[in-house]
Structure formats: C-alpha cells, structure tokens
Amino acid sequence: MNGEDNDQVPHHPEDKEKDQIEESEIESLDAEGDEIVLSDNELNELIESLCLSKVEEFVMLGYEHVSGKDIWDCVSDKYRKTGIPSLHQIVNDILSLKSTQFMNWMTISMYKGAQF
C-alpha cells in the first residue's frame, strides 16, 4: 500500500448538512441485539477501516493507485440523493463493491470532470 491510502475518508463536501448527523441517527445492534450508538468520529474510523480493507483487496487485484477516499467517494456517491443509510447498508455497500463497479464510477466521474 502507498502513503495515499492513509487519507481520512470524509463525507462529500457538498453534503455538509448530511455530515451533521446526530449521534442518535447512527444506530446499530450489537451481537446481543442491544442498540448501540456511534459518534461521528467512531463512524468515520469504521468507514475508513472498511475502505482501506477494500483498497487492500483492489491492490491484490492489480489496482495499485486506489485510495480509501476513492472507495468512499464511489460508495457514497449514491447517498447524495437518498441520504445516509443505516450502518449495515454502508458496511454492505463498501464490502460488496466490485472492481468493475468502481472502474465504471471512475470513468463516469472523469467524464463529468472530477479531479483525479
């Protein structure tokens, strides 16, 4: 992995109001079925570690210039219209991201004029 992969995985800048998530909105269930609440910092750390895990997978597949931020930008792009989903959906979206989906998103983003 290269040094780029240690970048923080921020929310989209355009979604500032979505970044202001109340702690009560990020809820999940633990193994016993009890509700747990994650702070924004804990949620960001969780998302970052999941994205970096996906980066490691993509590097093994030969995609050496992928960063955690790229993964999060790809996955969170669909949240722009619908808003931030539940934690289990975010985890599923990151871990189930296929390299072909990611490359399609990158290509479309380049045509839209995103900076790479």
Protein backbone atom coordinates (compact mmCIF):
# COMPACT_ATOMS: atom_id res chain seq x y z
CA MET A 1 0.00 0.00 0.00
CA ASN A 2 1.20 3.51 -0.68
CA GLY A 3 1.01 6.60 1.52
CA GLU A 4 -2.18 7.83 -0.16
CA ASP A 5 -4.19 5.05 1.45
CA ASN A 6 -3.93 6.59 4.92
CA ASP A 7 -6.12 9.55 3.95
CA GLN A 8 -9.13 10.26 6.08
CA VAL A 9 -12.35 9.20 4.40
CA PRO A 10 -14.52 12.31 4.63
CA HIS A 11 -18.09 12.78 3.57
CA HIS A 12 -18.74 14.66 0.34
CA PRO A 13 -18.15 18.42 0.76
CA GLU A 14 -21.48 19.15 -0.97
CA ASP A 15 -23.30 17.16 1.70
CA LYS A 16 -22.43 19.35 4.68
CA GLU A 17 -25.91 19.03 6.08
CA LYS A 18 -25.59 15.25 5.87
CA ASP A 19 -22.26 15.50 7.72
CA GLN A 20 -24.10 16.98 10.69
CA ILE A 21 -25.57 13.61 11.66
CA GLU A 22 -26.91 13.39 15.17
CA GLU A 23 -25.44 10.57 17.23
CA SER A 24 -28.94 9.17 17.68
CA GLU A 25 -29.21 8.70 13.90
CA ILE A 26 -26.28 6.27 13.70
CA GLU A 27 -27.67 3.27 15.46
CA SER A 28 -26.93 -0.38 15.12
CA LEU A 29 -27.43 -3.58 17.06
CA ASP A 30 -24.67 -5.49 18.82
CA ALA A 31 -24.43 -9.29 18.97
CA GLU A 32 -26.97 -9.46 21.82
CA GLY A 33 -29.47 -7.33 19.92
CA ASP A 34 -28.90 -4.27 22.12
CA GLU A 35 -28.91 -0.92 20.36
CA ILE A 36 -25.55 0.84 20.15
CA VAL A 37 -24.88 4.43 19.10
CA LEU A 38 -21.73 5.52 17.25
CA SER A 39 -20.31 9.01 17.43
CA ASP A 40 -19.31 10.77 14.22
CA ASN A 41 -15.65 10.05 14.98
CA GLU A 42 -16.29 6.33 15.59
CA LEU A 43 -18.35 6.12 12.42
CA ASN A 44 -15.63 7.83 10.36
CA GLU A 45 -12.98 5.47 11.78
CA LEU A 46 -15.15 2.45 10.96
CA ILE A 47 -15.78 3.65 7.41
CA GLU A 48 -12.11 4.45 6.92
CA SER A 49 -11.00 0.99 8.05
CA LEU A 50 -13.56 -0.68 5.78
CA CYS A 51 -12.47 1.43 2.81
CA LEU A 52 -8.80 0.65 3.47
CA SER A 53 -9.68 -3.04 3.62
CA LYS A 54 -11.32 -2.71 0.20
CA VAL A 55 -8.21 -0.86 -1.06
CA GLU A 56 -6.07 -3.84 0.01
CA GLU A 57 -8.38 -6.15 -1.93
CA PHE A 58 -8.17 -3.97 -5.05
CA VAL A 59 -4.37 -3.76 -4.77
CA MET A 60 -4.23 -7.57 -4.77
CA LEU A 61 -6.31 -7.46 -7.97
CA GLY A 62 -3.80 -5.10 -9.59
CA TYR A 63 -5.44 -1.71 -8.97
CA GLU A 64 -2.45 -0.11 -7.25
CA HIS A 65 -3.47 3.55 -7.31
CA VAL A 66 -6.75 3.32 -5.39
CA SER A 67 -7.13 5.16 -2.08
CA GLY A 68 -9.61 4.81 0.75
CA LYS A 69 -11.04 8.19 -0.22
CA ASP A 70 -11.67 6.92 -3.77
CA ILE A 71 -13.59 3.94 -2.40
CA TRP A 72 -15.69 6.13 -0.10
CA ASP A 73 -16.38 8.65 -2.88
CA CYS A 74 -17.60 5.83 -5.11
CA VAL A 75 -19.79 4.19 -2.48
CA SER A 76 -21.18 7.42 -1.04
CA ASP A 77 -21.99 8.90 -4.45
CA LYS A 78 -25.37 7.18 -4.41
CA TYR A 79 -26.13 8.64 -0.96
CA ARG A 80 -26.27 12.17 -2.39
CA LYS A 81 -29.89 11.76 -3.43
CA THR A 82 -31.15 9.35 -0.79
CA GLY A 83 -29.21 10.50 2.27
CA ILE A 84 -27.04 8.46 4.60
CA PRO A 85 -28.47 4.93 5.04
CA SER A 86 -28.24 2.68 8.06
CA LEU A 87 -24.85 1.43 9.20
CA HIS A 88 -25.37 -2.11 7.95
CA GLN A 89 -26.13 -0.78 4.46
CA ILE A 90 -22.96 1.35 4.42
CA VAL A 91 -20.87 -1.65 5.51
CA ASN A 92 -22.53 -3.85 2.88
CA ASP A 93 -22.03 -1.25 0.13
CA ILE A 94 -18.31 -0.95 0.89
CA LEU A 95 -17.57 -4.65 1.31
CA SER A 96 -19.61 -5.73 -1.71
CA LEU A 97 -18.12 -3.11 -4.08
CA LYS A 98 -16.77 -4.86 -7.18
CA SER A 99 -13.77 -3.62 -9.08
CA THR A 100 -15.87 -3.28 -12.25
CA GLN A 101 -18.39 -1.08 -10.43
CA PHE A 102 -15.54 1.05 -9.10
CA MET A 103 -13.87 1.41 -12.50
CA ASN A 104 -17.21 2.33 -14.12
CA TRP A 105 -17.73 5.01 -11.46
CA MET A 106 -14.18 6.33 -12.01
CA THR A 107 -14.74 6.52 -15.77
CA ILE A 108 -18.06 8.32 -15.42
CA SER A 109 -16.56 10.69 -12.84
CA MET A 110 -13.75 11.57 -15.23
CA TYR A 111 -16.26 12.35 -17.96
CA LYS A 112 -18.18 14.54 -15.52
CA GLY A 113 -14.96 16.46 -14.84
CA ALA A 114 -13.95 15.18 -11.41
CA GLN A 115 -10.31 15.68 -10.45
CA PHE A 116 -8.13 12.53 -10.35
